[in-house]
Amino acid sequence: MASKVQIKGEKRHPVYQWLMSKSLNGISNAEVRWNFTKFLINGEGQWVASYPSSVSPLDLKSPSSCAKGISV
């Protein structure tokens, strides 16, 4: 289980700082607009894409569909 963390504001958790900031992840700025925003991180720990809550995890079946992330 994970504890509740801040995802916005000055007390943003370091993981979300990295996920949401191009200056930290080197790829893209991303925004969490609603619950169930998804982030795709590759096997090397690199940020690949983010997907809004409207995208079902079941729609992310193949590497080619993952490459079509909303924010890249």
N, C-alpha and C. Protein backbone atom coordinates (compact mmCIF):
# COMPACT_ATOMS: atom_id res chain seq x y z
N MET A 1 0.83 -1.17 0.00
CA MET A 1 0.00 0.00 0.00
C MET A 1 0.88 1.24 0.00
N ALA A 2 0.38 2.24 -0.63
CA ALA A 2 1.07 3.53 -0.67
C ALA A 2 0.27 4.53 0.15
N SER A 3 0.96 5.49 0.68
CA SER A 3 0.27 6.55 1.42
C SER A 3 -0.14 7.66 0.45
N LYS A 4 -1.04 8.48 0.89
CA LYS A 4 -1.50 9.61 0.09
C LYS A 4 -0.37 10.62 -0.03
N VAL A 5 -0.16 11.13 -1.25
CA VAL A 5 0.90 12.12 -1.49
C VAL A 5 0.33 13.31 -2.25
N GLN A 6 1.00 14.43 -2.16
CA GLN A 6 0.63 15.63 -2.90
C GLN A 6 1.12 15.49 -4.34
N ILE A 7 0.28 15.86 -5.30
CA ILE A 7 0.71 15.82 -6.69
C ILE A 7 0.75 17.21 -7.32
N LYS A 8 0.30 18.20 -6.59
CA LYS A 8 0.33 19.58 -7.07
C LYS A 8 0.82 20.49 -5.95
N GLY A 9 1.32 21.63 -6.33
CA GLY A 9 1.72 22.62 -5.35
C GLY A 9 3.15 22.46 -4.86
N GLU A 10 3.48 23.25 -3.85
CA GLU A 10 4.85 23.29 -3.33
C GLU A 10 5.30 21.98 -2.69
N LYS A 11 4.37 21.21 -2.16
CA LYS A 11 4.71 19.95 -1.48
C LYS A 11 4.55 18.73 -2.39
N ARG A 12 4.63 18.94 -3.70
CA ARG A 12 4.48 17.84 -4.66
C ARG A 12 5.52 16.77 -4.38
N HIS A 13 5.07 15.52 -4.37
CA HIS A 13 5.97 14.38 -4.13
C HIS A 13 7.05 14.34 -5.21
N PRO A 14 8.30 13.98 -4.86
CA PRO A 14 9.39 13.96 -5.84
C PRO A 14 9.12 13.11 -7.08
N VAL A 15 8.38 12.02 -6.93
CA VAL A 15 8.06 11.19 -8.11
C VAL A 15 7.21 12.00 -9.09
N TYR A 16 6.24 12.73 -8.58
CA TYR A 16 5.39 13.53 -9.45
C TYR A 16 6.13 14.75 -9.98
N GLN A 17 7.08 15.26 -9.21
CA GLN A 17 7.92 16.34 -9.74
C GLN A 17 8.61 15.86 -11.01
N TRP A 18 9.18 14.66 -10.94
CA TRP A 18 9.90 14.08 -12.09
C TRP A 18 8.94 13.76 -13.24
N LEU A 19 7.82 13.13 -12.93
CA LEU A 19 6.86 12.74 -13.97
C LEU A 19 6.30 13.94 -14.72
N MET A 20 6.13 15.05 -14.05
CA MET A 20 5.41 16.18 -14.63
C MET A 20 6.30 17.30 -15.14
N SER A 21 7.62 17.17 -15.01
CA SER A 21 8.51 18.27 -15.38
C SER A 21 9.54 17.88 -16.43
N LYS A 22 9.46 18.51 -17.59
CA LYS A 22 10.42 18.23 -18.67
C LYS A 22 11.85 18.52 -18.23
N SER A 23 12.04 19.51 -17.39
CA SER A 23 13.40 19.83 -16.94
C SER A 23 14.00 18.70 -16.09
N LEU A 24 13.15 17.85 -15.52
CA LEU A 24 13.63 16.73 -14.72
C LEU A 24 13.64 15.41 -15.49
N ASN A 25 12.57 15.15 -16.27
CA ASN A 25 12.48 13.86 -16.98
C ASN A 25 13.09 13.91 -18.37
N GLY A 26 13.37 15.10 -18.88
CA GLY A 26 14.04 15.27 -20.16
C GLY A 26 13.18 15.05 -21.39
N ILE A 27 11.90 14.77 -21.22
CA ILE A 27 11.04 14.45 -22.36
C ILE A 27 9.87 15.42 -22.51
N SER A 28 9.07 15.57 -21.46
CA SER A 28 7.84 16.34 -21.62
C SER A 28 7.30 16.83 -20.29
N ASN A 29 6.59 17.95 -20.35
CA ASN A 29 5.79 18.38 -19.20
C ASN A 29 4.48 17.63 -19.28
N ALA A 30 3.96 17.22 -18.16
CA ALA A 30 2.69 16.51 -18.13
C ALA A 30 1.85 17.07 -16.99
N GLU A 31 0.56 16.88 -17.10
CA GLU A 31 -0.35 17.37 -16.07
C GLU A 31 -1.28 16.26 -15.64
N VAL A 32 -1.50 16.15 -14.35
CA VAL A 32 -2.50 15.23 -13.83
C VAL A 32 -3.76 16.05 -13.66
N ARG A 33 -4.74 15.76 -14.51
CA ARG A 33 -5.98 16.54 -14.48
C ARG A 33 -7.08 15.85 -13.69
N TRP A 34 -6.98 14.53 -13.54
CA TRP A 34 -8.03 13.77 -12.88
C TRP A 34 -7.45 12.46 -12.40
N ASN A 35 -8.20 11.74 -11.59
CA ASN A 35 -7.76 10.43 -11.12
C ASN A 35 -7.44 9.51 -12.30
N PHE A 36 -6.56 8.60 -12.07
CA PHE A 36 -6.20 7.55 -13.03
C PHE A 36 -5.43 8.05 -14.25
N THR A 37 -4.78 9.19 -14.15
CA THR A 37 -3.81 9.57 -15.18
C THR A 37 -2.71 8.53 -15.14
N LYS A 38 -2.27 8.09 -16.31
CA LYS A 38 -1.27 7.02 -16.39
C LYS A 38 0.02 7.54 -17.00
N PHE A 39 1.14 7.05 -16.47
CA PHE A 39 2.45 7.39 -17.00
C PHE A 39 3.12 6.10 -17.43
N LEU A 40 3.75 6.13 -18.61
CA LEU A 40 4.48 4.97 -19.12
C LEU A 40 5.97 5.24 -18.96
N ILE A 41 6.65 4.37 -18.21
CA ILE A 41 8.08 4.46 -17.97
C ILE A 41 8.70 3.19 -18.54
N ASN A 42 9.77 3.32 -19.34
CA ASN A 42 10.36 2.13 -19.96
C ASN A 42 11.27 1.38 -18.98
N GLY A 43 11.83 0.28 -19.43
CA GLY A 43 12.67 -0.57 -18.60
C GLY A 43 13.94 0.09 -18.12
N GLU A 44 14.35 1.16 -18.77
CA GLU A 44 15.54 1.91 -18.34
C GLU A 44 15.18 3.05 -17.39
N GLY A 45 13.90 3.14 -17.02
CA GLY A 45 13.47 4.20 -16.12
C GLY A 45 13.25 5.53 -16.78
N GLN A 46 13.09 5.55 -18.11
CA GLN A 46 12.88 6.79 -18.84
C GLN A 46 11.39 7.03 -19.06
N TRP A 47 11.00 8.28 -18.97
CA TRP A 47 9.63 8.69 -19.21
C TRP A 47 9.33 8.49 -20.69
N VAL A 48 8.22 7.82 -21.01
CA VAL A 48 7.85 7.56 -22.40
C VAL A 48 6.60 8.35 -22.79
N ALA A 49 5.57 8.30 -21.96
CA ALA A 49 4.30 8.95 -22.32
C ALA A 49 3.42 9.10 -21.11
N SER A 50 2.42 9.96 -21.24
CA SER A 50 1.36 10.05 -20.23
C SER A 50 0.02 9.92 -20.95
N TYR A 51 -0.95 9.40 -20.23
CA TYR A 51 -2.28 9.16 -20.78
C TYR A 51 -3.32 9.69 -19.80
N PRO A 52 -4.34 10.39 -20.30
CA PRO A 52 -5.39 10.89 -19.40
C PRO A 52 -6.25 9.74 -18.87
N SER A 53 -7.06 10.06 -17.89
CA SER A 53 -7.91 9.04 -17.28
C SER A 53 -8.90 8.45 -18.28
N SER A 54 -9.20 9.14 -19.35
CA SER A 54 -10.15 8.63 -20.35
C SER A 54 -9.59 7.47 -21.16
N VAL A 55 -8.27 7.25 -21.15
CA VAL A 55 -7.66 6.13 -21.86
C VAL A 55 -7.62 4.92 -20.95
N SER A 56 -8.19 3.83 -21.40
CA SER A 56 -8.20 2.60 -20.61
C SER A 56 -6.84 1.92 -20.66
N PRO A 57 -6.38 1.37 -19.54
CA PRO A 57 -5.13 0.60 -19.58
C PRO A 57 -5.21 -0.57 -20.56
N LEU A 58 -6.40 -1.07 -20.81
CA LEU A 58 -6.57 -2.18 -21.75
C LEU A 58 -6.30 -1.76 -23.18
N ASP A 59 -6.33 -0.45 -23.45
CA ASP A 59 -6.02 0.05 -24.79
C ASP A 59 -4.52 0.14 -25.04
N LEU A 60 -3.72 -0.08 -24.01
CA LEU A 60 -2.26 0.01 -24.11
C LEU A 60 -1.69 -1.40 -24.18
N LYS A 61 -2.03 -2.12 -25.24
CA LYS A 61 -1.67 -3.54 -25.36
C LYS A 61 -0.31 -3.78 -25.98
N SER A 62 0.13 -2.92 -26.87
CA SER A 62 1.36 -3.19 -27.61
C SER A 62 2.30 -2.01 -27.52
N PRO A 63 3.59 -2.24 -27.79
CA PRO A 63 4.53 -1.11 -27.80
C PRO A 63 4.13 -0.01 -28.78
N SER A 64 3.52 -0.39 -29.91
CA SER A 64 3.13 0.64 -30.87
C SER A 64 2.01 1.51 -30.32
N SER A 65 1.06 0.92 -29.59
CA SER A 65 0.00 1.74 -29.00
C SER A 65 0.55 2.58 -27.88
N CYS A 66 1.56 2.09 -27.16
CA CYS A 66 2.19 2.87 -26.09
C CYS A 66 2.93 4.06 -26.67
N ALA A 67 3.46 3.91 -27.85
CA ALA A 67 4.20 5.00 -28.47
C ALA A 67 3.29 6.14 -28.88
N LYS A 68 1.97 5.88 -28.87
CA LYS A 68 1.00 6.91 -29.24
C LYS A 68 0.47 7.64 -28.02
N GLY A 69 1.29 7.80 -26.99
CA GLY A 69 0.88 8.49 -25.76
C GLY A 69 0.41 9.89 -26.04
N ILE A 70 -0.42 10.38 -25.18
CA ILE A 70 -1.00 11.69 -25.37
C ILE A 70 0.07 12.78 -25.29
N SER A 71 0.99 12.66 -24.35
CA SER A 71 2.06 13.65 -24.20
C SER A 71 3.40 12.99 -24.41
N VAL A 72 4.07 13.36 -25.48
CA VAL A 72 5.42 12.85 -25.73
C VAL A 72 6.34 13.97 -26.13
